Structure formats: structure tokens, C-alpha cells
Amino acid sequence: MAEIHEFPKTKSQREAERRLVEAMRNVNHAIRAAAKCGFEISIVPLTAHATYSAEPLPLVNIQAHLPGRVSRQEVADF
């Protein structure tokens, strides 16, 4: 079997990867902290399109709200 060697990542690719990992750690920490405080967490996947990408970009919308309360965004939609 032949070995597969990946091309080395550029400096900007390594930095983007590092920032994503750090951001996800922060998001996960914030979600856990909010849940411990009694917030209900909702995570909604979104799709965005950008001129620099042929494929749609997967994004997420994360909201925390207290049980039984209406979020400001829901009120603004009326």
C-alpha cells in the first residue's frame, strides 16, 4: 500500500485551524456555563454563501434563554 502524504498547510491555514479549535473550546465552555446557570440553549444550523467559496458555508446560531421567557429576537419578529 502506498503512503499518502498531505501537502503542508500554509501559515494562514494553520492559524485559521488554530482559531477554529480555540473558538469551539470557548463556545463549548460558554454553553456549559450557561446551562449550569439554568439557561436553555438552542443551536440552529445556518447556511451562508460567500463569493470566495463554491460550497455553502455552514454556520450556527446559538441562543440562550431562561425557561418560560421569550427572547428579544422573538419579540422583535412580531
PDB file of N, CA and C in Angstrom:
ATOM      1  N   MET A   1       0.829  -1.187   0.000  1.00  0.00           N
ATOM      2  CA  MET A   1       0.000   0.000   0.000  1.00  0.00           C
ATOM      3  C   MET A   1       0.869   1.244   0.000  1.00  0.00           C
ATOM      4  N   ALA A   2       0.461   2.196  -0.765  1.00  0.00           N
ATOM      5  CA  ALA A   2       1.209   3.441  -0.851  1.00  0.00           C
ATOM      6  C   ALA A   2       0.862   4.352   0.308  1.00  0.00           C
ATOM      7  N   GLU A   3       1.844   5.072   0.772  1.00  0.00           N
ATOM      8  CA  GLU A   3       1.607   6.045   1.829  1.00  0.00           C
ATOM      9  C   GLU A   3       1.047   7.325   1.230  1.00  0.00           C
ATOM     10  N   ILE A   4       0.121   7.941   1.938  1.00  0.00           N
ATOM     11  CA  ILE A   4      -0.450   9.206   1.488  1.00  0.00           C
ATOM     12  C   ILE A   4       0.170  10.323   2.312  1.00  0.00           C
ATOM     13  N   HIS A   5       0.779  11.258   1.613  1.00  0.00           N
ATOM     14  CA  HIS A   5       1.403  12.410   2.272  1.00  0.00           C
ATOM     15  C   HIS A   5       0.595  13.655   1.933  1.00  0.00           C
ATOM     16  N   GLU A   6       0.137  14.343   2.948  1.00  0.00           N
ATOM     17  CA  GLU A   6      -0.604  15.574   2.731  1.00  0.00           C
ATOM     18  C   GLU A   6       0.361  16.724   2.470  1.00  0.00           C
ATOM     19  N   PHE A   7      -0.103  17.673   1.677  1.00  0.00           N
ATOM     20  CA  PHE A   7       0.694  18.868   1.471  1.00  0.00           C
ATOM     21  C   PHE A   7       0.739  19.638   2.780  1.00  0.00           C
ATOM     22  N   PRO A   8       1.854  20.279   3.078  1.00  0.00           N
ATOM     23  CA  PRO A   8       1.912  21.058   4.319  1.00  0.00           C
ATOM     24  C   PRO A   8       0.958  22.246   4.243  1.00  0.00           C
ATOM     25  N   LYS A   9       0.403  22.597   5.387  1.00  0.00           N
ATOM     26  CA  LYS A   9      -0.529  23.718   5.450  1.00  0.00           C
ATOM     27  C   LYS A   9       0.241  25.024   5.425  1.00  0.00           C
ATOM     28  N   THR A  10      -0.392  26.028   4.829  1.00  0.00           N
ATOM     29  CA  THR A  10       0.212  27.354   4.840  1.00  0.00           C
ATOM     30  C   THR A  10       0.086  27.951   6.234  1.00  0.00           C
ATOM     31  N   LYS A  11       0.800  29.034   6.462  1.00  0.00           N
ATOM     32  CA  LYS A  11       0.741  29.707   7.757  1.00  0.00           C
ATOM     33  C   LYS A  11      -0.684  30.184   8.049  1.00  0.00           C
ATOM     34  N   SER A  12      -1.362  30.741   7.049  1.00  0.00           N
ATOM     35  CA  SER A  12      -2.728  31.230   7.272  1.00  0.00           C
ATOM     36  C   SER A  12      -3.697  30.074   7.507  1.00  0.00           C
ATOM     37  N   GLN A  13      -3.477  28.923   6.878  1.00  0.00           N
ATOM     38  CA  GLN A  13      -4.325  27.751   7.124  1.00  0.00           C
ATOM     39  C   GLN A  13      -4.132  27.216   8.536  1.00  0.00           C
ATOM     40  N   ARG A  14      -2.881  27.159   8.987  1.00  0.00           N
ATOM     41  CA  ARG A  14      -2.614  26.709  10.357  1.00  0.00           C
ATOM     42  C   ARG A  14      -3.246  27.661  11.371  1.00  0.00           C
ATOM     43  N   GLU A  15      -3.148  28.962  11.107  1.00  0.00           N
ATOM     44  CA  GLU A  15      -3.720  29.960  12.005  1.00  0.00           C
ATOM     45  C   GLU A  15      -5.245  29.851  12.030  1.00  0.00           C
ATOM     46  N   ALA A  16      -5.864  29.675  10.863  1.00  0.00           N
ATOM     47  CA  ALA A  16      -7.324  29.526  10.800  1.00  0.00           C
ATOM     48  C   ALA A  16      -7.765  28.281  11.557  1.00  0.00           C
ATOM     49  N   GLU A  17      -7.031  27.194  11.398  1.00  0.00           N
ATOM     50  CA  GLU A  17      -7.359  25.951  12.102  1.00  0.00           C
ATOM     51  C   GLU A  17      -7.221  26.131  13.617  1.00  0.00           C
ATOM     52  N   ARG A  18      -6.161  26.787  14.049  1.00  0.00           N
ATOM     53  CA  ARG A  18      -5.933  27.030  15.475  1.00  0.00           C
ATOM     54  C   ARG A  18      -7.046  27.900  16.059  1.00  0.00           C
ATOM     55  N   ARG A  19      -7.450  28.935  15.304  1.00  0.00           N
ATOM     56  CA  ARG A  19      -8.508  29.829  15.775  1.00  0.00           C
ATOM     57  C   ARG A  19      -9.845  29.111  15.875  1.00  0.00           C
ATOM     58  N   LEU A  20     -10.124  28.217  14.931  1.00  0.00           N
ATOM     59  CA  LEU A  20     -11.374  27.453  14.984  1.00  0.00           C
ATOM     60  C   LEU A  20     -11.413  26.534  16.193  1.00  0.00           C
ATOM     61  N   VAL A  21     -10.314  25.868  16.464  1.00  0.00           N
ATOM     62  CA  VAL A  21     -10.250  24.972  17.621  1.00  0.00           C
ATOM     63  C   VAL A  21     -10.442  25.773  18.907  1.00  0.00           C
ATOM     64  N   GLU A  22      -9.765  26.904  19.004  1.00  0.00           N
ATOM     65  CA  GLU A  22      -9.885  27.746  20.194  1.00  0.00           C
ATOM     66  C   GLU A  22     -11.315  28.285  20.335  1.00  0.00           C
ATOM     67  N   ALA A  23     -11.919  28.705  19.230  1.00  0.00           N
ATOM     68  CA  ALA A  23     -13.288  29.224  19.265  1.00  0.00           C
ATOM     69  C   ALA A  23     -14.264  28.149  19.715  1.00  0.00           C
ATOM     70  N   MET A  24     -14.108  26.937  19.239  1.00  0.00           N
ATOM     71  CA  MET A  24     -15.020  25.862  19.628  1.00  0.00           C
ATOM     72  C   MET A  24     -14.866  25.521  21.105  1.00  0.00           C
ATOM     73  N   ARG A  25     -13.662  25.557  21.612  1.00  0.00           N
ATOM     74  CA  ARG A  25     -13.459  25.342  23.054  1.00  0.00           C
ATOM     75  C   ARG A  25     -14.193  26.413  23.852  1.00  0.00           C
ATOM     76  N   ASN A  26     -14.071  27.674  23.408  1.00  0.00           N
ATOM     77  CA  ASN A  26     -14.738  28.778  24.099  1.00  0.00           C
ATOM     78  C   ASN A  26     -16.256  28.649  24.016  1.00  0.00           C
ATOM     79  N   VAL A  27     -16.769  28.287  22.850  1.00  0.00           N
ATOM     80  CA  VAL A  27     -18.218  28.116  22.688  1.00  0.00           C
ATOM     81  C   VAL A  27     -18.721  27.001  23.592  1.00  0.00           C
ATOM     82  N   ASN A  28     -18.035  25.869  23.587  1.00  0.00           N
ATOM     83  CA  ASN A  28     -18.452  24.750  24.432  1.00  0.00           C
ATOM     84  C   ASN A  28     -18.413  25.119  25.914  1.00  0.00           C
ATOM     85  N   HIS A  29     -17.382  25.846  26.319  1.00  0.00           N
ATOM     86  CA  HIS A  29     -17.279  26.293  27.712  1.00  0.00           C
ATOM     87  C   HIS A  29     -18.442  27.228  28.052  1.00  0.00           C
ATOM     88  N   ALA A  30     -18.761  28.162  27.148  1.00  0.00           N
ATOM     89  CA  ALA A  30     -19.849  29.105  27.386  1.00  0.00           C
ATOM     90  C   ALA A  30     -21.200  28.396  27.455  1.00  0.00           C
ATOM     91  N   ILE A  31     -21.409  27.390  26.616  1.00  0.00           N
ATOM     92  CA  ILE A  31     -22.662  26.633  26.638  1.00  0.00           C
ATOM     93  C   ILE A  31     -22.806  25.897  27.961  1.00  0.00           C
ATOM     94  N   ARG A  32     -21.733  25.246  28.415  1.00  0.00           N
ATOM     95  CA  ARG A  32     -21.796  24.543  29.697  1.00  0.00           C
ATOM     96  C   ARG A  32     -22.086  25.511  30.843  1.00  0.00           C
ATOM     97  N   ALA A  33     -21.415  26.671  30.835  1.00  0.00           N
ATOM     98  CA  ALA A  33     -21.627  27.662  31.904  1.00  0.00           C
ATOM     99  C   ALA A  33     -23.068  28.178  31.887  1.00  0.00           C
ATOM    100  N   ALA A  34     -23.610  28.446  30.701  1.00  0.00           N
ATOM    101  CA  ALA A  34     -24.988  28.935  30.602  1.00  0.00           C
ATOM    102  C   ALA A  34     -25.979  27.870  31.069  1.00  0.00           C
ATOM    103  N   ALA A  35     -25.734  26.617  30.712  1.00  0.00           N
ATOM    104  CA  ALA A  35     -26.621  25.526  31.134  1.00  0.00           C
ATOM    105  C   ALA A  35     -26.601  25.373  32.655  1.00  0.00           C
ATOM    106  N   LYS A  36     -25.426  25.534  33.273  1.00  0.00           N
ATOM    107  CA  LYS A  36     -25.329  25.445  34.731  1.00  0.00           C
ATOM    108  C   LYS A  36     -26.100  26.571  35.411  1.00  0.00           C
ATOM    109  N   CYS A  37     -26.256  27.710  34.729  1.00  0.00           N
ATOM    110  CA  CYS A  37     -26.996  28.849  35.284  1.00  0.00           C
ATOM    111  C   CYS A  37     -28.493  28.747  35.031  1.00  0.00           C
ATOM    112  N   GLY A  38     -28.936  27.687  34.371  1.00  0.00           N
ATOM    113  CA  GLY A  38     -30.360  27.493  34.153  1.00  0.00           C
ATOM    114  C   GLY A  38     -30.880  27.915  32.791  1.00  0.00           C
ATOM    115  N   PHE A  39     -30.008  28.329  31.907  1.00  0.00           N
ATOM    116  CA  PHE A  39     -30.450  28.719  30.577  1.00  0.00           C
ATOM    117  C   PHE A  39     -30.768  27.494  29.726  1.00  0.00           C
ATOM    118  N   GLU A  40     -31.754  27.650  28.846  1.00  0.00           N
ATOM    119  CA  GLU A  40     -31.991  26.663  27.806  1.00  0.00           C
ATOM    120  C   GLU A  40     -31.205  27.114  26.587  1.00  0.00           C
ATOM    121  N   ILE A  41     -30.529  26.207  25.965  1.00  0.00           N
ATOM    122  CA  ILE A  41     -29.668  26.528  24.829  1.00  0.00           C
ATOM    123  C   ILE A  41     -30.309  25.998  23.557  1.00  0.00           C
ATOM    124  N   SER A  42     -30.382  26.843  22.549  1.00  0.00           N
ATOM    125  CA  SER A  42     -30.848  26.362  21.242  1.00  0.00           C
ATOM    126  C   SER A  42     -29.760  26.629  20.215  1.00  0.00           C
ATOM    127  N   ILE A  43     -29.510  25.624  19.404  1.00  0.00           N
ATOM    128  CA  ILE A  43     -28.495  25.716  18.364  1.00  0.00           C
ATOM    129  C   ILE A  43     -29.165  25.421  17.029  1.00  0.00           C
ATOM    130  N   VAL A  44     -29.078  26.379  16.119  1.00  0.00           N
ATOM    131  CA  VAL A  44     -29.727  26.248  14.818  1.00  0.00           C
ATOM    132  C   VAL A  44     -28.659  26.315  13.729  1.00  0.00           C
ATOM    133  N   PRO A  45     -28.565  25.274  12.901  1.00  0.00           N
ATOM    134  CA  PRO A  45     -27.603  25.345  11.794  1.00  0.00           C
ATOM    135  C   PRO A  45     -28.091  26.321  10.720  1.00  0.00           C
ATOM    136  N   LEU A  46     -27.171  27.076  10.172  1.00  0.00           N
ATOM    137  CA  LEU A  46     -27.467  28.048   9.120  1.00  0.00           C
ATOM    138  C   LEU A  46     -26.573  27.753   7.920  1.00  0.00           C
ATOM    139  N   THR A  47     -26.959  28.255   6.783  1.00  0.00           N
ATOM    140  CA  THR A  47     -26.137  28.128   5.588  1.00  0.00           C
ATOM    141  C   THR A  47     -25.924  29.518   5.011  1.00  0.00           C
ATOM    142  N   ALA A  48     -24.687  29.854   4.724  1.00  0.00           N
ATOM    143  CA  ALA A  48     -24.351  31.145   4.125  1.00  0.00           C
ATOM    144  C   ALA A  48     -23.606  30.900   2.823  1.00  0.00           C
ATOM    145  N   HIS A  49     -23.699  31.847   1.946  1.00  0.00           N
ATOM    146  CA  HIS A  49     -22.977  31.764   0.673  1.00  0.00           C
ATOM    147  C   HIS A  49     -21.995  32.929   0.609  1.00  0.00           C
ATOM    148  N   ALA A  50     -20.798  32.634   0.144  1.00  0.00           N
ATOM    149  CA  ALA A  50     -19.757  33.650   0.072  1.00  0.00           C
ATOM    150  C   ALA A  50     -19.129  33.634  -1.321  1.00  0.00           C
ATOM    151  N   THR A  51     -18.651  34.779  -1.735  1.00  0.00           N
ATOM    152  CA  THR A  51     -18.041  34.878  -3.061  1.00  0.00           C
ATOM    153  C   THR A  51     -16.727  34.100  -3.147  1.00  0.00           C
ATOM    154  N   TYR A  52     -16.081  33.840  -2.017  1.00  0.00           N
ATOM    155  CA  TYR A  52     -14.792  33.168  -2.023  1.00  0.00           C
ATOM    156  C   TYR A  52     -14.892  31.651  -1.886  1.00  0.00           C
ATOM    157  N   SER A  53     -16.112  31.117  -1.863  1.00  0.00           N
ATOM    158  CA  SER A  53     -16.277  29.677  -1.695  1.00  0.00           C
ATOM    159  C   SER A  53     -17.343  29.154  -2.653  1.00  0.00           C
ATOM    160  N   ALA A  54     -17.022  28.073  -3.359  1.00  0.00           N
ATOM    161  CA  ALA A  54     -18.002  27.458  -4.253  1.00  0.00           C
ATOM    162  C   ALA A  54     -19.076  26.737  -3.450  1.00  0.00           C
ATOM    163  N   GLU A  55     -18.712  26.225  -2.302  1.00  0.00           N
ATOM    164  CA  GLU A  55     -19.642  25.497  -1.432  1.00  0.00           C
ATOM    165  C   GLU A  55     -20.263  26.446  -0.408  1.00  0.00           C
ATOM    166  N   PRO A  56     -21.495  26.181   0.009  1.00  0.00           N
ATOM    167  CA  PRO A  56     -22.095  26.984   1.084  1.00  0.00           C
ATOM    168  C   PRO A  56     -21.296  26.825   2.375  1.00  0.00           C
ATOM    169  N   LEU A  57     -21.286  27.863   3.172  1.00  0.00           N
ATOM    170  CA  LEU A  57     -20.573  27.841   4.447  1.00  0.00           C
ATOM    171  C   LEU A  57     -21.531  27.428   5.554  1.00  0.00           C
ATOM    172  N   PRO A  58     -21.173  26.405   6.335  1.00  0.00           N
ATOM    173  CA  PRO A  58     -22.030  26.019   7.457  1.00  0.00           C
ATOM    174  C   PRO A  58     -21.775  26.940   8.653  1.00  0.00           C
ATOM    175  N   LEU A  59     -22.822  27.574   9.135  1.00  0.00           N
ATOM    176  CA  LEU A  59     -22.737  28.438  10.306  1.00  0.00           C
ATOM    177  C   LEU A  59     -23.737  27.952  11.340  1.00  0.00           C
ATOM    178  N   VAL A  60     -23.626  28.454  12.554  1.00  0.00           N
ATOM    179  CA  VAL A  60     -24.586  28.105  13.598  1.00  0.00           C
ATOM    180  C   VAL A  60     -25.042  29.367  14.318  1.00  0.00           C
ATOM    181  N   ASN A  61     -26.282  29.353  14.764  1.00  0.00           N
ATOM    182  CA  ASN A  61     -26.826  30.406  15.600  1.00  0.00           C
ATOM    183  C   ASN A  61     -27.093  29.767  16.960  1.00  0.00           C
ATOM    184  N   ILE A  62     -26.499  30.317  17.997  1.00  0.00           N
ATOM    185  CA  ILE A  62     -26.653  29.767  19.343  1.00  0.00           C
ATOM    186  C   ILE A  62     -27.333  30.822  20.205  1.00  0.00           C
ATOM    187  N   GLN A  63     -28.424  30.417  20.856  1.00  0.00           N
ATOM    188  CA  GLN A  63     -29.139  31.331  21.742  1.00  0.00           C
ATOM    189  C   GLN A  63     -29.323  30.672  23.103  1.00  0.00           C
ATOM    190  N   ALA A  64     -29.280  31.489  24.136  1.00  0.00           N
ATOM    191  CA  ALA A  64     -29.554  31.024  25.495  1.00  0.00           C
ATOM    192  C   ALA A  64     -30.701  31.863  26.038  1.00  0.00           C
ATOM    193  N   HIS A  65     -31.687  31.201  26.609  1.00  0.00           N
ATOM    194  CA  HIS A  65     -32.790  31.933  27.218  1.00  0.00           C
ATOM    195  C   HIS A  65     -33.276  31.178  28.450  1.00  0.00           C
ATOM    196  N   LEU A  66     -33.851  31.926  29.371  1.00  0.00           N
ATOM    197  CA  LEU A  66     -34.391  31.313  30.579  1.00  0.00           C
ATOM    198  C   LEU A  66     -35.685  30.598  30.233  1.00  0.00           C
ATOM    199  N   PRO A  67     -35.929  29.464  30.836  1.00  0.00           N
ATOM    200  CA  PRO A  67     -37.166  28.732  30.555  1.00  0.00           C
ATOM    201  C   PRO A  67     -38.403  29.592  30.813  1.00  0.00           C
ATOM    202  N   GLY A  68     -39.366  29.538  29.899  1.00  0.00           N
ATOM    203  CA  GLY A  68     -40.607  30.276  30.054  1.00  0.00           C
ATOM    204  C   GLY A  68     -40.552  31.720  29.627  1.00  0.00           C
ATOM    205  N   ARG A  69     -39.393  32.208  29.214  1.00  0.00           N
ATOM    206  CA  ARG A  69     -39.277  33.601  28.778  1.00  0.00           C
ATOM    207  C   ARG A  69     -39.105  33.641  27.266  1.00  0.00           C
ATOM    208  N   VAL A  70     -39.602  34.700  26.663  1.00  0.00           N
ATOM    209  CA  VAL A  70     -39.476  34.890  25.224  1.00  0.00           C
ATOM    210  C   VAL A  70     -38.221  35.712  24.966  1.00  0.00           C
ATOM    211  N   SER A  71     -37.415  35.278  24.006  1.00  0.00           N
ATOM    212  CA  SER A  71     -36.190  36.021  23.709  1.00  0.00           C
ATOM    213  C   SER A  71     -36.522  37.321  22.998  1.00  0.00           C
ATOM    214  N   ARG A  72     -35.617  38.294  23.066  1.00  0.00           N
ATOM    215  CA  ARG A  72     -35.843  39.597  22.431  1.00  0.00           C
ATOM    216  C   ARG A  72     -36.016  39.457  20.926  1.00  0.00           C
ATOM    217  N   GLN A  73     -35.297  38.533  20.325  1.00  0.00           N
ATOM    218  CA  GLN A  73     -35.398  38.342  18.876  1.00  0.00           C
ATOM    219  C   GLN A  73     -36.808  37.884  18.494  1.00  0.00           C
ATOM    220  N   GLU A  74     -37.385  36.967  19.288  1.00  0.00           N
ATOM    221  CA  GLU A  74     -38.739  36.502  19.005  1.00  0.00           C
ATOM    222  C   GLU A  74     -39.749  37.628  19.147  1.00  0.00           C
ATOM    223  N   VAL A  75     -39.542  38.506  20.120  1.00  0.00           N
ATOM    224  CA  VAL A  75     -40.436  39.646  20.309  1.00  0.00           C
ATOM    225  C   VAL A  75     -40.298  40.609  19.128  1.00  0.00           C
ATOM    226  N   ALA A  76     -39.078  40.816  18.649  1.00  0.00           N
ATOM    227  CA  ALA A  76     -38.842  41.735  17.545  1.00  0.00           C
ATOM    228  C   ALA A  76     -39.492  41.253  16.260  1.00  0.00           C
ATOM    229  N   ASP A  77     -39.752  39.957  16.116  1.00  0.00           N
ATOM    230  CA  ASP A  77     -40.349  39.429  14.909  1.00  0.00           C
ATOM    231  C   ASP A  77     -41.845  39.727  14.810  1.00  0.00           C
ATOM    232  N   PHE A  78     -42.490  40.149  15.922  1.00  0.00           N
ATOM    233  CA  PHE A  78     -43.929  40.420  15.888  1.00  0.00           C
ATOM    234  C   PHE A  78     -44.230  41.713  15.177  1.00  0.00           C
TER     235      PHE A  78
END
